[in-house]
Protein backbone atom coordinates (compact mmCIF):
# COMPACT_ATOMS: atom_id res chain seq x y z
CA MET A 1 -47.74 139.66 24.64
CA LYS A 2 -47.38 143.55 25.04
CA GLU A 3 -48.05 145.74 22.13
CA TYR A 4 -47.38 149.39 21.33
CA SER A 5 -49.53 151.78 20.15
CA PHE A 6 -49.78 155.12 18.40
CA SER A 7 -52.33 157.88 19.40
CA SER A 8 -52.64 161.35 19.00
CA ILE A 9 -51.81 163.19 21.63
CA ASP A 10 -54.78 164.15 24.41
CA SER A 11 -53.96 166.17 27.01
CA ASP A 12 -53.87 162.92 29.40
CA LEU A 13 -50.97 161.97 27.16
CA ALA A 14 -49.60 165.44 26.99
CA ALA A 15 -49.05 165.03 30.79
CA LYS A 16 -47.19 161.85 30.47
CA CYS A 17 -45.31 162.99 27.62
CA HIS A 18 -44.38 166.12 29.57
CA GLU A 19 -43.21 163.70 32.47
CA LEU A 20 -40.95 161.77 29.81
CA ASN A 21 -39.48 165.04 28.74
CA GLU A 22 -38.35 166.14 32.06
CA LYS A 23 -37.18 163.03 33.07
CA ASN A 24 -34.93 163.04 30.09
CA VAL A 25 -33.35 166.66 30.84
CA PRO A 26 -30.50 167.65 30.41
CA ASN A 27 -30.23 165.20 27.01
CA VAL A 28 -33.41 167.32 26.00
CA GLY A 29 -34.87 170.69 26.75
CA SER A 30 -36.85 171.46 29.93
CA ARG A 31 -40.58 172.32 29.01
CA SER A 32 -43.23 173.68 30.98
CA LEU A 33 -46.74 171.28 30.75
CA GLU A 34 -48.39 174.44 29.44
CA GLY A 35 -45.79 175.14 26.66
CA LEU A 36 -45.50 171.76 25.60
CA THR A 37 -49.33 171.05 25.26
CA ASN A 38 -49.57 174.62 23.48
CA SER A 39 -46.92 173.26 20.85
CA ILE A 40 -49.21 169.87 20.66
CA GLU A 41 -52.39 171.49 20.10
CA ASN A 42 -50.84 174.03 17.43
CA SER A 43 -49.01 171.13 15.76
CA ASP A 44 -49.77 169.61 12.49
CA TYR A 45 -48.95 166.12 13.40
CA ASN A 46 -48.79 164.82 16.78
CA GLU A 47 -48.44 161.02 18.02
CA ALA A 48 -47.63 159.40 21.50
CA ILE A 49 -45.79 155.73 21.67
CA VAL A 50 -47.42 154.05 23.99
CA PHE A 51 -45.88 150.39 25.30
CA ASP A 52 -47.62 148.78 28.37
CA ASN A 53 -49.75 151.43 29.67
CA LYS A 54 -46.60 153.81 29.36
CA VAL A 55 -45.46 156.79 27.10
CA ILE A 56 -42.06 155.89 25.64
CA GLY A 57 -41.76 158.19 23.13
CA PHE A 58 -43.91 161.02 21.23
CA VAL A 59 -43.02 163.64 18.46
CA VAL A 60 -45.00 166.78 17.46
CA CYS A 61 -44.37 167.87 13.82
CA PHE A 62 -44.77 171.52 12.21
CA GLN A 63 -45.43 172.07 8.71
CA ASP A 64 -44.08 175.08 6.78
CA ASN A 65 -47.30 177.08 6.30
CA ASN A 66 -48.80 179.93 7.52
CA LEU A 67 -50.31 178.94 10.88
CA THR A 68 -47.30 177.44 11.67
CA LYS A 69 -45.15 180.42 11.09
CA SER A 70 -47.53 182.59 12.94
CA TYR A 71 -47.46 180.58 15.84
CA MET A 72 -43.62 180.08 15.84
CA LYS A 73 -43.41 183.89 15.57
CA LYS A 74 -45.50 184.37 18.43
CA THR A 75 -43.56 181.68 20.48
CA GLU A 76 -40.23 182.83 19.33
CA HIS A 77 -39.03 179.65 18.39
CA LYS A 78 -35.20 179.77 17.46
CA ASN A 79 -35.02 176.81 15.85
CA PHE A 80 -37.78 177.31 13.36
CA LYS A 81 -36.82 180.31 12.75
CA GLU A 82 -33.12 179.15 11.71
CA ILE A 83 -34.75 176.45 9.55
CA SER A 84 -36.92 178.41 7.44
CA ASN A 85 -34.40 181.35 6.44
CA ARG A 86 -32.67 178.30 4.84
CA VAL A 87 -35.28 176.02 3.35
CA ASP A 88 -38.77 176.60 2.16
CA ASN A 89 -41.76 174.13 1.91
CA PHE A 90 -40.83 171.72 4.88
CA CYS A 91 -41.95 169.75 7.56
CA THR A 92 -39.87 170.64 10.31
CA SER A 93 -38.42 167.99 12.79
CA THR A 94 -37.47 170.85 15.42
CA GLU A 95 -40.03 169.43 17.91
CA LEU A 96 -39.14 165.80 17.33
CA LEU A 97 -35.06 166.58 17.75
CA TRP A 98 -35.83 167.36 21.13
CA MET A 99 -38.98 166.02 22.15
CA LEU A 100 -38.80 162.20 20.75
CA ASN A 101 -37.60 160.43 23.83
CA ILE A 102 -37.66 156.50 23.59
CA GLU A 103 -36.57 154.42 26.85
CA THR A 104 -35.28 151.38 26.93
CA ILE A 105 -37.99 148.31 27.14
CA SER A 106 -36.30 145.25 28.85
């Protein structure tokens, strides 16, 4: 029986997450591997979902804190800017909205 596993995203998994992301363009935004890796490294939480040794989904989340604000300002992240103008003390799902990609398993 095949099982799912969940793992923090290391450099190996980052490349696989990037492949999955690019495979789903234009449904999600295109990112460079460097850009995705940078987001992962600066995130407060990240996790990949692996099934049968294949990444089938991933999430990268950021909390509303000074480190995140500094990083998002530096990268000029439009979604984060919009959310932070409307809400205080949040865990943003901006990365989740365009990075979580689940493939159909048959």
